[in-house]
Amino acid sequence: MSTKLYVGNIPYPASADELNEHFAQAGGVATVDRLTERRTGRTRGFCFVEMESAEAAQQAVEQLHNQEFQGRNLRVVLSRPNDD
């Protein structure tokens, strides 16, 4: 099972530290990859969060999917592998 999560519908002003703190409710967070647009540097409306274990990742999906975060309901799902 994957430990990487796709998180969508993130408020633009939310920082990686705030996301880390929010996801720590479900278990240990390894990394938060908050993506930005190349041309403008503006954050995008999604990120990838890697949890420390598969159990923590599953707990995050169950606990945080569709939960309100800074005025928006997050979409939290297990990330699919990149087929590059």
Protein backbone atom coordinates (compact mmCIF):
# COMPACT_ATOMS: atom_id res chain seq x y z
CA MET A 1 0.00 0.00 0.00
CA SER A 2 1.21 3.49 -0.81
CA THR A 3 2.22 6.06 1.78
CA LYS A 4 1.82 8.97 -0.65
CA LEU A 5 -1.42 10.96 -0.74
CA TYR A 6 -2.86 13.31 -3.33
CA VAL A 7 -4.53 16.24 -1.58
CA GLY A 8 -6.79 18.49 -3.65
CA ASN A 9 -8.90 21.59 -3.10
CA ILE A 10 -6.25 23.22 -0.89
CA PRO A 11 -6.69 26.91 -0.11
CA TYR A 12 -4.03 28.91 -1.99
CA PRO A 13 -2.65 30.69 1.11
CA ALA A 14 -2.13 27.43 3.07
CA SER A 15 1.53 26.72 3.81
CA ALA A 16 3.35 23.39 3.83
CA ASP A 17 3.80 23.75 7.60
CA GLU A 18 0.04 24.20 8.11
CA LEU A 19 -0.66 21.15 5.95
CA ASN A 20 1.96 19.14 7.85
CA GLU A 21 0.29 20.06 11.14
CA HIS A 22 -3.16 19.19 9.80
CA PHE A 23 -2.08 15.76 8.48
CA ALA A 24 -0.16 14.97 11.67
CA GLN A 25 -3.60 14.36 13.25
CA ALA A 26 -3.67 11.06 11.34
CA GLY A 27 -0.07 9.97 11.98
CA GLY A 28 3.52 10.78 11.19
CA VAL A 29 4.13 12.98 8.15
CA ALA A 30 7.33 12.37 6.16
CA THR A 31 7.03 15.17 3.57
CA VAL A 32 4.63 17.75 2.17
CA ASP A 33 5.25 18.66 -1.48
CA ARG A 34 3.38 21.91 -2.13
CA LEU A 35 3.60 22.54 -5.88
CA THR A 36 3.86 25.96 -7.54
CA GLU A 37 3.30 27.20 -11.07
CA ARG A 38 6.58 27.69 -12.91
CA ARG A 39 5.80 31.03 -14.55
CA THR A 40 4.03 32.81 -11.70
CA GLY A 41 5.36 31.04 -8.60
CA ARG A 42 1.78 30.87 -7.30
CA THR A 43 0.87 27.77 -5.33
CA ARG A 44 -1.42 25.30 -7.02
CA GLY A 45 -4.61 23.90 -5.53
CA PHE A 46 -3.13 20.51 -4.71
CA CYS A 47 -0.13 18.84 -3.12
CA PHE A 48 1.34 15.47 -2.27
CA VAL A 49 1.74 14.37 1.33
CA GLU A 50 3.87 11.37 2.17
CA MET A 51 3.01 9.70 5.44
CA GLU A 52 5.50 7.67 7.49
CA SER A 53 3.53 4.43 7.12
CA ALA A 54 0.82 2.85 5.01
CA GLU A 55 -1.39 2.72 8.10
CA ALA A 56 -0.99 6.47 8.66
CA ALA A 57 -1.81 7.09 4.99
CA GLN A 58 -5.00 5.03 5.23
CA GLN A 59 -5.92 6.79 8.49
CA ALA A 60 -5.43 10.18 6.79
CA VAL A 61 -7.75 9.20 3.94
CA GLU A 62 -10.44 7.98 6.34
CA GLN A 63 -10.12 10.88 8.77
CA LEU A 64 -9.32 13.89 6.57
CA HIS A 65 -11.06 13.28 3.22
CA ASN A 66 -13.81 15.85 2.74
CA GLN A 67 -12.87 17.54 6.04
CA GLU A 68 -12.87 21.34 6.19
CA PHE A 69 -9.44 22.99 6.20
CA GLN A 70 -9.22 26.80 6.13
CA GLY A 71 -12.69 27.08 4.63
CA ARG A 72 -12.40 24.36 1.98
CA ASN A 73 -13.17 20.63 2.03
CA LEU A 74 -10.03 18.69 1.18
CA ARG A 75 -9.93 15.79 -1.27
CA VAL A 76 -7.58 13.19 0.20
CA VAL A 77 -6.88 9.98 -1.75
CA LEU A 78 -4.02 7.53 -2.09
CA SER A 79 -1.72 8.71 -4.87
CA ARG A 80 -1.55 6.58 -7.99
CA PRO A 81 1.89 5.58 -9.27
CA ASN A 82 3.29 7.66 -12.10
CA ASP A 83 3.53 5.51 -15.24
CA ASP A 84 6.37 7.49 -16.86
